[in-house]
Amino acid sequence: QVQLVESGGGLVQPGGSLRLSCAASGSIFSINVMGWYRQAPGKQRELVAAITSPGNTNYADSVKGRFAISRDNAKNTVYLQMNSLKPEDTAVYYCNAEGYRGSSLINRKSFSSWGQGTQVTVSS
């Protein structure tokens, strides 16, 4: 199995910063994309940012210019640097990774894994 472990969530005041980390482990052949999603109470889960292994990125309009996603392919880890945080950023943030697991091109299988979620609360 492929497991994702998230860290870095917490309580921060408006205008503050926070950095989330997510490390993937297991029998990983390759990871095509890693991303961050969030879900606030009463709302559906939404994509915050995503990044491919080559480094292409995509951001939600609401966070563009404030958040930055990056990755360390050697460590199968993705980061989300969150700056100028607003109360509306409050949500549970989930890490996702999609790719292939296995030991070779012949026996590889696709996977999509989710982290357990980490709470980010922006409040004074």
PDB file of N, CA and C in Angstrom:
ATOM      1  N   GLN A   1       0.809  -1.166   0.000  1.00  0.00           N
ATOM      2  CA  GLN A   1       0.000   0.000   0.000  1.00  0.00           C
ATOM      3  C   GLN A   1       0.870   1.254   0.000  1.00  0.00           C
ATOM      4  N   VAL A   2       0.280   2.359  -0.437  1.00  0.00           N
ATOM      5  CA  VAL A   2       0.929   3.651  -0.416  1.00  0.00           C
ATOM      6  C   VAL A   2       0.267   4.478   0.673  1.00  0.00           C
ATOM      7  N   GLN A   3       1.065   4.978   1.586  1.00  0.00           N
ATOM      8  CA  GLN A   3       0.553   5.759   2.691  1.00  0.00           C
ATOM      9  C   GLN A   3       1.047   7.195   2.623  1.00  0.00           C
ATOM     10  N   LEU A   4       0.204   8.119   3.057  1.00  0.00           N
ATOM     11  CA  LEU A   4       0.552   9.527   3.103  1.00  0.00           C
ATOM     12  C   LEU A   4       0.466  10.016   4.538  1.00  0.00           C
ATOM     13  N   VAL A   5       1.499  10.701   4.981  1.00  0.00           N
ATOM     14  CA  VAL A   5       1.540  11.243   6.327  1.00  0.00           C
ATOM     15  C   VAL A   5       1.673  12.753   6.244  1.00  0.00           C
ATOM     16  N   GLU A   6       0.708  13.460   6.827  1.00  0.00           N
ATOM     17  CA  GLU A   6       0.668  14.911   6.789  1.00  0.00           C
ATOM     18  C   GLU A   6       1.122  15.496   8.113  1.00  0.00           C
ATOM     19  N   SER A   7       1.643  16.705   8.040  1.00  0.00           N
ATOM     20  CA  SER A   7       2.041  17.422   9.238  1.00  0.00           C
ATOM     21  C   SER A   7       2.050  18.916   8.955  1.00  0.00           C
ATOM     22  N   GLY A   8       2.048  19.717  10.006  1.00  0.00           N
ATOM     23  CA  GLY A   8       2.190  21.157   9.868  1.00  0.00           C
ATOM     24  C   GLY A   8       0.948  21.980  10.135  1.00  0.00           C
ATOM     25  N   GLY A   9      -0.184  21.341  10.332  1.00  0.00           N
ATOM     26  CA  GLY A   9      -1.400  22.082  10.606  1.00  0.00           C
ATOM     27  C   GLY A   9      -1.370  22.702  11.992  1.00  0.00           C
ATOM     28  N   GLY A  10      -2.300  23.617  12.232  1.00  0.00           N
ATOM     29  CA  GLY A  10      -2.368  24.256  13.524  1.00  0.00           C
ATOM     30  C   GLY A  10      -3.195  25.516  13.504  1.00  0.00           C
ATOM     31  N   LEU A  11      -3.046  26.293  14.563  1.00  0.00           N
ATOM     32  CA  LEU A  11      -3.764  27.554  14.726  1.00  0.00           C
ATOM     33  C   LEU A  11      -2.841  28.718  14.413  1.00  0.00           C
ATOM     34  N   VAL A  12      -3.327  29.644  13.597  1.00  0.00           N
ATOM     35  CA  VAL A  12      -2.540  30.806  13.227  1.00  0.00           C
ATOM     36  C   VAL A  12      -3.453  32.024  13.113  1.00  0.00           C
ATOM     37  N   GLN A  13      -2.916  33.199  13.387  1.00  0.00           N
ATOM     38  CA  GLN A  13      -3.692  34.430  13.280  1.00  0.00           C
ATOM     39  C   GLN A  13      -3.787  34.898  11.833  1.00  0.00           C
ATOM     40  N   PRO A  14      -4.827  35.656  11.500  1.00  0.00           N
ATOM     41  CA  PRO A  14      -4.932  36.196  10.143  1.00  0.00           C
ATOM     42  C   PRO A  14      -3.667  36.949   9.746  1.00  0.00           C
ATOM     43  N   GLY A  15      -3.220  36.708   8.524  1.00  0.00           N
ATOM     44  CA  GLY A  15      -1.994  37.317   8.048  1.00  0.00           C
ATOM     45  C   GLY A  15      -0.762  36.482   8.315  1.00  0.00           C
ATOM     46  N   GLY A  16      -0.915  35.444   9.092  1.00  0.00           N
ATOM     47  CA  GLY A  16       0.202  34.585   9.428  1.00  0.00           C
ATOM     48  C   GLY A  16       0.504  33.560   8.353  1.00  0.00           C
ATOM     49  N   SER A  17       1.482  32.720   8.638  1.00  0.00           N
ATOM     50  CA  SER A  17       1.928  31.714   7.684  1.00  0.00           C
ATOM     51  C   SER A  17       1.979  30.337   8.322  1.00  0.00           C
ATOM     52  N   LEU A  18       1.880  29.334   7.473  1.00  0.00           N
ATOM     53  CA  LEU A  18       1.932  27.954   7.909  1.00  0.00           C
ATOM     54  C   LEU A  18       2.471  27.126   6.750  1.00  0.00           C
ATOM     55  N   ARG A  19       3.195  26.077   7.069  1.00  0.00           N
ATOM     56  CA  ARG A  19       3.717  25.190   6.036  1.00  0.00           C
ATOM     57  C   ARG A  19       3.291  23.761   6.310  1.00  0.00           C
ATOM     58  N   LEU A  20       2.599  23.171   5.347  1.00  0.00           N
ATOM     59  CA  LEU A  20       2.156  21.795   5.447  1.00  0.00           C
ATOM     60  C   LEU A  20       3.111  20.881   4.687  1.00  0.00           C
ATOM     61  N   SER A  21       3.284  19.678   5.211  1.00  0.00           N
ATOM     62  CA  SER A  21       4.117  18.681   4.562  1.00  0.00           C
ATOM     63  C   SER A  21       3.343  17.379   4.427  1.00  0.00           C
ATOM     64  N   CYS A  22       3.635  16.634   3.378  1.00  0.00           N
ATOM     65  CA  CYS A  22       3.006  15.341   3.152  1.00  0.00           C
ATOM     66  C   CYS A  22       4.021  14.410   2.508  1.00  0.00           C
ATOM     67  N   ALA A  23       4.317  13.327   3.179  1.00  0.00           N
ATOM     68  CA  ALA A  23       5.284  12.357   2.686  1.00  0.00           C
ATOM     69  C   ALA A  23       4.600  11.054   2.314  1.00  0.00           C
ATOM     70  N   ALA A  24       4.879  10.567   1.126  1.00  0.00           N
ATOM     71  CA  ALA A  24       4.333   9.296   0.654  1.00  0.00           C
ATOM     72  C   ALA A  24       5.350   8.186   0.858  1.00  0.00           C
ATOM     73  N   SER A  25       4.862   7.025   1.257  1.00  0.00           N
ATOM     74  CA  SER A  25       5.739   5.888   1.463  1.00  0.00           C
ATOM     75  C   SER A  25       5.049   4.608   1.013  1.00  0.00           C
ATOM     76  N   GLY A  26       5.834   3.571   0.792  1.00  0.00           N
ATOM     77  CA  GLY A  26       5.313   2.299   0.334  1.00  0.00           C
ATOM     78  C   GLY A  26       6.024   1.847  -0.921  1.00  0.00           C
ATOM     79  N   SER A  27       5.441   0.873  -1.583  1.00  0.00           N
ATOM     80  CA  SER A  27       6.017   0.345  -2.815  1.00  0.00           C
ATOM     81  C   SER A  27       5.613   1.237  -3.987  1.00  0.00           C
ATOM     82  N   ILE A  28       6.312   2.347  -4.113  1.00  0.00           N
ATOM     83  CA  ILE A  28       5.982   3.359  -5.118  1.00  0.00           C
ATOM     84  C   ILE A  28       6.878   3.209  -6.342  1.00  0.00           C
ATOM     85  N   PHE A  29       6.254   3.095  -7.490  1.00  0.00           N
ATOM     86  CA  PHE A  29       6.997   3.078  -8.746  1.00  0.00           C
ATOM     87  C   PHE A  29       7.205   4.507  -9.238  1.00  0.00           C
ATOM     88  N   SER A  30       6.138   5.270  -9.247  1.00  0.00           N
ATOM     89  CA  SER A  30       6.217   6.664  -9.645  1.00  0.00           C
ATOM     90  C   SER A  30       4.986   7.405  -9.149  1.00  0.00           C
ATOM     91  N   ILE A  31       5.129   8.710  -8.958  1.00  0.00           N
ATOM     92  CA  ILE A  31       4.013   9.568  -8.596  1.00  0.00           C
ATOM     93  C   ILE A  31       3.823  10.601  -9.698  1.00  0.00           C
ATOM     94  N   ASN A  32       2.640  10.627 -10.283  1.00  0.00           N
ATOM     95  CA  ASN A  32       2.356  11.563 -11.359  1.00  0.00           C
ATOM     96  C   ASN A  32       2.014  12.954 -10.841  1.00  0.00           C
ATOM     97  N   VAL A  33       1.214  12.984  -9.780  1.00  0.00           N
ATOM     98  CA  VAL A  33       0.770  14.263  -9.254  1.00  0.00           C
ATOM     99  C   VAL A  33       0.515  14.154  -7.761  1.00  0.00           C
ATOM    100  N   MET A  34       0.819  15.218  -7.046  1.00  0.00           N
ATOM    101  CA  MET A  34       0.484  15.340  -5.638  1.00  0.00           C
ATOM    102  C   MET A  34      -0.241  16.658  -5.462  1.00  0.00           C
ATOM    103  N   GLY A  35      -1.210  16.664  -4.575  1.00  0.00           N
ATOM    104  CA  GLY A  35      -1.983  17.873  -4.398  1.00  0.00           C
ATOM    105  C   GLY A  35      -2.537  18.024  -3.007  1.00  0.00           C
ATOM    106  N   TRP A  36      -3.027  19.223  -2.751  1.00  0.00           N
ATOM    107  CA  TRP A  36      -3.671  19.547  -1.488  1.00  0.00           C
ATOM    108  C   TRP A  36      -5.118  19.940  -1.741  1.00  0.00           C
ATOM    109  N   TYR A  37      -6.005  19.362  -0.966  1.00  0.00           N
ATOM    110  CA  TYR A  37      -7.419  19.684  -0.986  1.00  0.00           C
ATOM    111  C   TYR A  37      -7.817  20.172   0.394  1.00  0.00           C
ATOM    112  N   ARG A  38      -8.920  20.887   0.472  1.00  0.00           N
ATOM    113  CA  ARG A  38      -9.411  21.304   1.773  1.00  0.00           C
ATOM    114  C   ARG A  38     -10.927  21.220   1.817  1.00  0.00           C
ATOM    115  N   GLN A  39     -11.436  21.048   3.016  1.00  0.00           N
ATOM    116  CA  GLN A  39     -12.868  20.973   3.218  1.00  0.00           C
ATOM    117  C   GLN A  39     -13.237  21.716   4.493  1.00  0.00           C
ATOM    118  N   ALA A  40     -14.031  22.752   4.329  1.00  0.00           N
ATOM    119  CA  ALA A  40     -14.535  23.526   5.452  1.00  0.00           C
ATOM    120  C   ALA A  40     -15.904  22.998   5.847  1.00  0.00           C
ATOM    121  N   PRO A  41     -16.328  23.241   7.089  1.00  0.00           N
ATOM    122  CA  PRO A  41     -17.643  22.773   7.530  1.00  0.00           C
ATOM    123  C   PRO A  41     -18.756  23.265   6.617  1.00  0.00           C
ATOM    124  N   GLY A  42     -19.619  22.348   6.189  1.00  0.00           N
ATOM    125  CA  GLY A  42     -20.733  22.702   5.333  1.00  0.00           C
ATOM    126  C   GLY A  42     -20.391  22.893   3.874  1.00  0.00           C
ATOM    127  N   LYS A  43     -19.144  22.675   3.508  1.00  0.00           N
ATOM    128  CA  LYS A  43     -18.720  22.841   2.130  1.00  0.00           C
ATOM    129  C   LYS A  43     -18.111  21.550   1.596  1.00  0.00           C
ATOM    130  N   GLN A  44     -18.114  21.411   0.280  1.00  0.00           N
ATOM    131  CA  GLN A  44     -17.515  20.228  -0.319  1.00  0.00           C
ATOM    132  C   GLN A  44     -16.007  20.408  -0.442  1.00  0.00           C
ATOM    133  N   ARG A  45     -15.323  19.299  -0.569  1.00  0.00           N
ATOM    134  CA  ARG A  45     -13.880  19.340  -0.699  1.00  0.00           C
ATOM    135  C   ARG A  45     -13.473  20.005  -2.006  1.00  0.00           C
ATOM    136  N   GLU A  46     -12.477  20.867  -1.931  1.00  0.00           N
ATOM    137  CA  GLU A  46     -12.022  21.585  -3.108  1.00  0.00           C
ATOM    138  C   GLU A  46     -10.513  21.466  -3.274  1.00  0.00           C
ATOM    139  N   LEU A  47     -10.084  21.527  -4.508  1.00  0.00           N
ATOM    140  CA  LEU A  47      -8.657  21.504  -4.804  1.00  0.00           C
ATOM    141  C   LEU A  47      -8.040  22.841  -4.455  1.00  0.00           C
ATOM    142  N   VAL A  48      -6.947  22.806  -3.714  1.00  0.00           N
ATOM    143  CA  VAL A  48      -6.214  24.007  -3.349  1.00  0.00           C
ATOM    144  C   VAL A  48      -5.034  24.217  -4.294  1.00  0.00           C
ATOM    145  N   ALA A  49      -4.228  23.184  -4.449  1.00  0.00           N
ATOM    146  CA  ALA A  49      -3.061  23.257  -5.312  1.00  0.00           C
ATOM    147  C   ALA A  49      -2.611  21.860  -5.680  1.00  0.00           C
ATOM    148  N   ALA A  50      -1.990  21.730  -6.834  1.00  0.00           N
ATOM    149  CA  ALA A  50      -1.477  20.448  -7.279  1.00  0.00           C
ATOM    150  C   ALA A  50      -0.161  20.657  -8.011  1.00  0.00           C
ATOM    151  N   ILE A  51       0.664  19.627  -8.006  1.00  0.00           N
ATOM    152  CA  ILE A  51       1.952  19.713  -8.673  1.00  0.00           C
ATOM    153  C   ILE A  51       2.317  18.362  -9.263  1.00  0.00           C
ATOM    154  N   THR A  52       2.802  18.368 -10.492  1.00  0.00           N
ATOM    155  CA  THR A  52       3.245  17.155 -11.150  1.00  0.00           C
ATOM    156  C   THR A  52       4.703  16.906 -10.824  1.00  0.00           C
ATOM    157  N   SER A  53       5.167  15.712 -11.126  1.00  0.00           N
ATOM    158  CA  SER A  53       6.568  15.386 -10.865  1.00  0.00           C
ATOM    159  C   SER A  53       7.532  16.306 -11.609  1.00  0.00           C
ATOM    160  N   PRO A  54       7.239  16.656 -12.879  1.00  0.00           N
ATOM    161  CA  PRO A  54       8.116  17.617 -13.565  1.00  0.00           C
ATOM    162  C   PRO A  54       8.088  19.020 -12.969  1.00  0.00           C
ATOM    163  N   GLY A  55       7.064  19.328 -12.139  1.00  0.00           N
ATOM    164  CA  GLY A  55       7.013  20.615 -11.488  1.00  0.00           C
ATOM    165  C   GLY A  55       5.931  21.561 -11.953  1.00  0.00           C
ATOM    166  N   ASN A  56       5.037  21.121 -12.812  1.00  0.00           N
ATOM    167  CA  ASN A  56       3.923  21.961 -13.235  1.00  0.00           C
ATOM    168  C   ASN A  56       2.942  22.123 -12.086  1.00  0.00           C
ATOM    169  N   THR A  57       2.436  23.339 -11.897  1.00  0.00           N
ATOM    170  CA  THR A  57       1.563  23.623 -10.765  1.00  0.00           C
ATOM    171  C   THR A  57       0.219  24.173 -11.194  1.00  0.00           C
ATOM    172  N   ASN A  58      -0.757  24.013 -10.307  1.00  0.00           N
ATOM    173  CA  ASN A  58      -2.095  24.534 -10.515  1.00  0.00           C
ATOM    174  C   ASN A  58      -2.642  24.982  -9.170  1.00  0.00           C
ATOM    175  N   TYR A  59      -3.270  26.169  -9.140  1.00  0.00           N
ATOM    176  CA  TYR A  59      -3.793  26.727  -7.901  1.00  0.00           C
ATOM    177  C   TYR A  59      -5.239  27.144  -8.046  1.00  0.00           C
ATOM    178  N   ALA A  60      -5.973  27.037  -6.950  1.00  0.00           N
ATOM    179  CA  ALA A  60      -7.294  27.624  -6.898  1.00  0.00           C
ATOM    180  C   ALA A  60      -7.156  29.144  -6.916  1.00  0.00           C
ATOM    181  N   ASP A  61      -8.109  29.819  -7.552  1.00  0.00           N
ATOM    182  CA  ASP A  61      -8.042  31.276  -7.642  1.00  0.00           C
ATOM    183  C   ASP A  61      -7.994  31.941  -6.272  1.00  0.00           C
ATOM    184  N   SER A  62      -8.638  31.342  -5.300  1.00  0.00           N
ATOM    185  CA  SER A  62      -8.728  31.935  -3.981  1.00  0.00           C
ATOM    186  C   SER A  62      -7.403  31.955  -3.221  1.00  0.00           C
ATOM    187  N   VAL A  63      -6.445  31.141  -3.649  1.00  0.00           N
ATOM    188  CA  VAL A  63      -5.171  31.061  -2.933  1.00  0.00           C
ATOM    189  C   VAL A  63      -3.986  31.490  -3.782  1.00  0.00           C
ATOM    190  N   LYS A  64      -4.204  31.712  -5.048  1.00  0.00           N
ATOM    191  CA  LYS A  64      -3.109  32.076  -5.943  1.00  0.00           C
ATOM    192  C   LYS A  64      -2.466  33.383  -5.494  1.00  0.00           C
ATOM    193  N   GLY A  65      -1.149  33.370  -5.410  1.00  0.00           N
ATOM    194  CA  GLY A  65      -0.417  34.529  -4.943  1.00  0.00           C
ATOM    195  C   GLY A  65      -0.128  34.495  -3.463  1.00  0.00           C
ATOM    196  N   ARG A  66      -0.840  33.653  -2.723  1.00  0.00           N
ATOM    197  CA  ARG A  66      -0.628  33.527  -1.291  1.00  0.00           C
ATOM    198  C   ARG A  66      -0.023  32.183  -0.911  1.00  0.00           C
ATOM    199  N   PHE A  67      -0.420  31.145  -1.630  1.00  0.00           N
ATOM    200  CA  PHE A  67       0.067  29.801  -1.353  1.00  0.00           C
ATOM    201  C   PHE A  67       1.066  29.371  -2.417  1.00  0.00           C
ATOM    202  N   ALA A  68       1.968  28.496  -2.043  1.00  0.00           N
ATOM    203  CA  ALA A  68       2.932  27.944  -2.985  1.00  0.00           C
ATOM    204  C   ALA A  68       3.129  26.460  -2.711  1.00  0.00           C
ATOM    205  N   ILE A  69       2.953  25.660  -3.748  1.00  0.00           N
ATOM    206  CA  ILE A  69       3.149  24.225  -3.612  1.00  0.00           C
ATOM    207  C   ILE A  69       4.504  23.847  -4.200  1.00  0.00           C
ATOM    208  N   SER A  70       5.168  22.925  -3.565  1.00  0.00           N
ATOM    209  CA  SER A  70       6.457  22.450  -4.045  1.00  0.00           C
ATOM    210  C   SER A  70       6.605  20.980  -3.691  1.00  0.00           C
ATOM    211  N   ARG A  71       7.606  20.347  -4.260  1.00  0.00           N
ATOM    212  CA  ARG A  71       7.796  18.928  -3.976  1.00  0.00           C
ATOM    213  C   ARG A  71       9.265  18.534  -4.026  1.00  0.00           C
ATOM    214  N   ASP A  72       9.561  17.469  -3.335  1.00  0.00           N
ATOM    215  CA  ASP A  72      10.871  16.850  -3.369  1.00  0.00           C
ATOM    216  C   ASP A  72      10.645  15.433  -3.879  1.00  0.00           C
ATOM    217  N   ASN A  73      10.895  15.221  -5.161  1.00  0.00           N
ATOM    218  CA  ASN A  73      10.619  13.929  -5.771  1.00  0.00           C
ATOM    219  C   ASN A  73      11.437  12.792  -5.148  1.00  0.00           C
ATOM    220  N   ALA A  74      12.657  13.095  -4.752  1.00  0.00           N
ATOM    221  CA  ALA A  74      13.510  12.079  -4.154  1.00  0.00           C
ATOM    222  C   ALA A  74      12.938  11.568  -2.841  1.00  0.00           C
ATOM    223  N   LYS A  75      12.211  12.429  -2.137  1.00  0.00           N
ATOM    224  CA  LYS A  75      11.620  12.059  -0.856  1.00  0.00           C
ATOM    225  C   LYS A  75      10.130  11.770  -0.953  1.00  0.00           C
ATOM    226  N   ASN A  76       9.579  11.861  -2.166  1.00  0.00           N
ATOM    227  CA  ASN A  76       8.138  11.676  -2.372  1.00  0.00           C
ATOM    228  C   ASN A  76       7.330  12.530  -1.405  1.00  0.00           C
ATOM    229  N   THR A  77       7.731  13.772  -1.298  1.00  0.00           N
ATOM    230  CA  THR A  77       7.127  14.693  -0.351  1.00  0.00           C
ATOM    231  C   THR A  77       6.638  15.951  -1.058  1.00  0.00           C
ATOM    232  N   VAL A  78       5.471  16.419  -0.660  1.00  0.00           N
ATOM    233  CA  VAL A  78       4.911  17.650  -1.189  1.00  0.00           C
ATOM    234  C   VAL A  78       4.701  18.624  -0.041  1.00  0.00           C
ATOM    235  N   TYR A  79       4.884  19.914  -0.325  1.00  0.00           N
ATOM    236  CA  TYR A  79       4.744  20.953   0.674  1.00  0.00           C
ATOM    237  C   TYR A  79       3.732  21.983   0.204  1.00  0.00           C
ATOM    238  N   LEU A  80       3.116  22.637   1.152  1.00  0.00           N
ATOM    239  CA  LEU A  80       2.230  23.753   0.852  1.00  0.00           C
ATOM    240  C   LEU A  80       2.586  24.895   1.786  1.00  0.00           C
ATOM    241  N   GLN A  81       3.209  25.920   1.237  1.00  0.00           N
ATOM    242  CA  GLN A  81       3.529  27.115   1.994  1.00  0.00           C
ATOM    243  C   GLN A  81       2.346  28.061   1.911  1.00  0.00           C
ATOM    244  N   MET A  82       1.764  28.388   3.046  1.00  0.00           N
ATOM    245  CA  MET A  82       0.582  29.228   3.101  1.00  0.00           C
ATOM    246  C   MET A  82       0.931  30.545   3.779  1.00  0.00           C
ATOM    247  N   ASN A  83       0.816  31.627   3.030  1.00  0.00           N
ATOM    248  CA  ASN A  83       1.102  32.958   3.537  1.00  0.00           C
ATOM    249  C   ASN A  83      -0.151  33.822   3.499  1.00  0.00           C
ATOM    250  N   SER A  84      -0.114  34.917   4.245  1.00  0.00           N
ATOM    251  CA  SER A  84      -1.243  35.853   4.290  1.00  0.00           C
ATOM    252  C   SER A  84      -2.557  35.122   4.518  1.00  0.00           C
ATOM    253  N   LEU A  85      -2.566  34.269   5.497  1.00  0.00           N
ATOM    254  CA  LEU A  85      -3.734  33.431   5.757  1.00  0.00           C
ATOM    255  C   LEU A  85      -4.942  34.251   6.190  1.00  0.00           C
ATOM    256  N   LYS A  86      -6.098  33.808   5.733  1.00  0.00           N
ATOM    257  CA  LYS A  86      -7.369  34.457   6.026  1.00  0.00           C
ATOM    258  C   LYS A  86      -8.274  33.494   6.788  1.00  0.00           C
ATOM    259  N   PRO A  87      -9.242  34.023   7.533  1.00  0.00           N
ATOM    260  CA  PRO A  87     -10.169  33.140   8.250  1.00  0.00           C
ATOM    261  C   PRO A  87     -10.864  32.145   7.328  1.00  0.00           C
ATOM    262  N   GLU A  88     -11.141  32.538   6.091  1.00  0.00           N
ATOM    263  CA  GLU A  88     -11.801  31.641   5.156  1.00  0.00           C
ATOM    264  C   GLU A  88     -10.913  30.493   4.685  1.00  0.00           C
ATOM    265  N   ASP A  89      -9.632  30.534   5.038  1.00  0.00           N
ATOM    266  CA  ASP A  89      -8.744  29.415   4.749  1.00  0.00           C
ATOM    267  C   ASP A  89      -8.903  28.288   5.764  1.00  0.00           C
ATOM    268  N   THR A  90      -9.648  28.549   6.820  1.00  0.00           N
ATOM    269  CA  THR A  90      -9.864  27.540   7.847  1.00  0.00           C
ATOM    270  C   THR A  90     -10.556  26.317   7.255  1.00  0.00           C
ATOM    271  N   ALA A  91      -9.944  25.157   7.427  1.00  0.00           N
ATOM    272  CA  ALA A  91     -10.479  23.917   6.869  1.00  0.00           C
ATOM    273  C   ALA A  91      -9.587  22.761   7.287  1.00  0.00           C
ATOM    274  N   VAL A  92     -10.064  21.565   7.002  1.00  0.00           N
ATOM    275  CA  VAL A  92      -9.210  20.397   7.096  1.00  0.00           C
ATOM    276  C   VAL A  92      -8.528  20.226   5.747  1.00  0.00           C
ATOM    277  N   TYR A  93      -7.225  20.155   5.760  1.00  0.00           N
ATOM    278  CA  TYR A  93      -6.451  20.030   4.536  1.00  0.00           C
ATOM    279  C   TYR A  93      -6.016  18.584   4.336  1.00  0.00           C
ATOM    280  N   TYR A  94      -6.255  18.070   3.139  1.00  0.00           N
ATOM    281  CA  TYR A  94      -5.947  16.689   2.809  1.00  0.00           C
ATOM    282  C   TYR A  94      -4.915  16.624   1.692  1.00  0.00           C
ATOM    283  N   CYS A  95      -3.968  15.745   1.851  1.00  0.00           N
ATOM    284  CA  CYS A  95      -2.969  15.491   0.829  1.00  0.00           C
ATOM    285  C   CYS A  95      -3.421  14.325  -0.044  1.00  0.00           C
ATOM    286  N   ASN A  96      -3.152  14.410  -1.335  1.00  0.00           N
ATOM    287  CA  ASN A  96      -3.475  13.342  -2.271  1.00  0.00           C
ATOM    288  C   ASN A  96      -2.283  13.070  -3.181  1.00  0.00           C
ATOM    289  N   ALA A  97      -2.083  11.809  -3.504  1.00  0.00           N
ATOM    290  CA  ALA A  97      -1.044  11.423  -4.447  1.00  0.00           C
ATOM    291  C   ALA A  97      -1.592  10.376  -5.392  1.00  0.00           C
ATOM    292  N   GLU A  98      -1.259  10.507  -6.659  1.00  0.00           N
ATOM    293  CA  GLU A  98      -1.676   9.544  -7.675  1.00  0.00           C
ATOM    294  C   GLU A  98      -0.472   9.131  -8.502  1.00  0.00           C
ATOM    295  N   GLY A  99      -0.433   7.860  -8.827  1.00  0.00           N
ATOM    296  CA  GLY A  99       0.677   7.362  -9.619  1.00  0.00           C
ATOM    297  C   GLY A  99       0.604   5.864  -9.778  1.00  0.00           C
ATOM    298  N   TYR A 100       1.777   5.218  -9.744  1.00  0.00           N
ATOM    299  CA  TYR A 100       1.857   3.777  -9.895  1.00  0.00           C
ATOM    300  C   TYR A 100       2.642   3.170  -8.754  1.00  0.00           C
ATOM    301  N   ARG A 101       2.184   2.034  -8.285  1.00  0.00           N
ATOM    302  CA  ARG A 101       2.897   1.273  -7.280  1.00  0.00           C
ATOM    303  C   ARG A 101       3.383  -0.033  -7.890  1.00  0.00           C
ATOM    304  N   GLY A 102       4.402  -0.596  -7.305  1.00  0.00           N
ATOM    305  CA  GLY A 102       4.990  -1.818  -7.812  1.00  0.00           C
ATOM    306  C   GLY A 102       6.478  -1.640  -8.030  1.00  0.00           C
ATOM    307  N   SER A 103       7.109  -2.640  -8.612  1.00  0.00           N
ATOM    308  CA  SER A 103       8.558  -2.644  -8.760  1.00  0.00           C
ATOM    309  C   SER A 103       9.050  -2.442 -10.182  1.00  0.00           C
ATOM    310  N   SER A 104       8.150  -2.512 -11.166  1.00  0.00           N
ATOM    311  CA  SER A 104       8.581  -2.390 -12.548  1.00  0.00           C
ATOM    312  C   SER A 104       7.438  -1.933 -13.437  1.00  0.00           C
ATOM    313  N   LEU A 105       7.769  -1.635 -14.687  1.00  0.00           N
ATOM    314  CA  LEU A 105       6.751  -1.267 -15.661  1.00  0.00           C
ATOM    315  C   LEU A 105       5.779  -2.409 -15.918  1.00  0.00           C
ATOM    316  N   ILE A 106       6.249  -3.643 -15.773  1.00  0.00           N
ATOM    317  CA  ILE A 106       5.429  -4.810 -16.069  1.00  0.00           C
ATOM    318  C   ILE A 106       4.364  -5.059 -15.009  1.00  0.00           C
ATOM    319  N   ASN A 107       4.716  -4.935 -13.746  1.00  0.00           N
ATOM    320  CA  ASN A 107       3.774  -5.274 -12.678  1.00  0.00           C
ATOM    321  C   ASN A 107       3.174  -4.079 -11.958  1.00  0.00           C
ATOM    322  N   ARG A 108       3.398  -2.902 -12.444  1.00  0.00           N
ATOM    323  CA  ARG A 108       2.904  -1.709 -11.766  1.00  0.00           C
ATOM    324  C   ARG A 108       1.378  -1.623 -11.827  1.00  0.00           C
ATOM    325  N   LYS A 109       0.815  -0.998 -10.813  1.00  0.00           N
ATOM    326  CA  LYS A 109      -0.620  -0.751 -10.744  1.00  0.00           C
ATOM    327  C   LYS A 109      -0.860   0.686 -10.314  1.00  0.00           C
ATOM    328  N   SER A 110      -1.915   1.269 -10.824  1.00  0.00           N
ATOM    329  CA  SER A 110      -2.226   2.638 -10.469  1.00  0.00           C
ATOM    330  C   SER A 110      -2.703   2.729  -9.023  1.00  0.00           C
ATOM    331  N   PHE A 111      -2.499   3.888  -8.418  1.00  0.00           N
ATOM    332  CA  PHE A 111      -2.993   4.111  -7.069  1.00  0.00           C
ATOM    333  C   PHE A 111      -3.414   5.563  -6.901  1.00  0.00           C
ATOM    334  N   SER A 112      -4.283   5.769  -5.960  1.00  0.00           N
ATOM    335  CA  SER A 112      -4.671   7.097  -5.516  1.00  0.00           C
ATOM    336  C   SER A 112      -4.852   7.024  -4.014  1.00  0.00           C
ATOM    337  N   SER A 113      -4.034   7.765  -3.285  1.00  0.00           N
ATOM    338  CA  SER A 113      -4.050   7.697  -1.828  1.00  0.00           C
ATOM    339  C   SER A 113      -4.304   9.064  -1.217  1.00  0.00           C
ATOM    340  N   TRP A 114      -4.917   9.051  -0.054  1.00  0.00           N
ATOM    341  CA  TRP A 114      -5.234  10.265   0.687  1.00  0.00           C
ATOM    342  C   TRP A 114      -4.616  10.226   2.072  1.00  0.00           C
ATOM    343  N   GLY A 115      -4.205  11.380   2.535  1.00  0.00           N
ATOM    344  CA  GLY A 115      -3.753  11.505   3.902  1.00  0.00           C
ATOM    345  C   GLY A 115      -4.933  11.581   4.848  1.00  0.00           C
ATOM    346  N   GLN A 116      -4.639  11.590   6.133  1.00  0.00           N
ATOM    347  CA  GLN A 116      -5.691  11.584   7.144  1.00  0.00           C
ATOM    348  C   GLN A 116      -6.331  12.949   7.349  1.00  0.00           C
ATOM    349  N   GLY A 117      -5.707  13.985   6.852  1.00  0.00           N
ATOM    350  CA  GLY A 117      -6.203  15.337   7.017  1.00  0.00           C
ATOM    351  C   GLY A 117      -5.551  16.034   8.192  1.00  0.00           C
ATOM    352  N   THR A 118      -5.300  17.322   8.037  1.00  0.00           N
ATOM    353  CA  THR A 118      -4.735  18.119   9.116  1.00  0.00           C
ATOM    354  C   THR A 118      -5.508  19.428   9.220  1.00  0.00           C
ATOM    355  N   GLN A 119      -5.856  19.802  10.438  1.00  0.00           N
ATOM    356  CA  GLN A 119      -6.681  20.985  10.668  1.00  0.00           C
ATOM    357  C   GLN A 119      -5.856  22.259  10.598  1.00  0.00           C
ATOM    358  N   VAL A 120      -6.336  23.210   9.815  1.00  0.00           N
ATOM    359  CA  VAL A 120      -5.762  24.548   9.760  1.00  0.00           C
ATOM    360  C   VAL A 120      -6.843  25.527  10.205  1.00  0.00           C
ATOM    361  N   THR A 121      -6.560  26.259  11.254  1.00  0.00           N
ATOM    362  CA  THR A 121      -7.511  27.226  11.788  1.00  0.00           C
ATOM    363  C   THR A 121      -6.881  28.610  11.789  1.00  0.00           C
ATOM    364  N   VAL A 122      -7.529  29.549  11.119  1.00  0.00           N
ATOM    365  CA  VAL A 122      -7.050  30.927  11.040  1.00  0.00           C
ATOM    366  C   VAL A 122      -8.031  31.796  11.820  1.00  0.00           C
ATOM    367  N   SER A 123      -7.596  32.281  12.954  1.00  0.00           N
ATOM    368  CA  SER A 123      -8.474  33.046  13.827  1.00  0.00           C
ATOM    369  C   SER A 123      -7.658  33.931  14.746  1.00  0.00           C
ATOM    370  N   SER A 124      -8.233  35.082  15.103  1.00  0.00           N
ATOM    371  CA  SER A 124      -7.602  35.975  16.044  1.00  0.00           C
ATOM    372  C   SER A 124      -7.977  35.633  17.476  1.00  0.00           C
TER     373      SER A 124
END
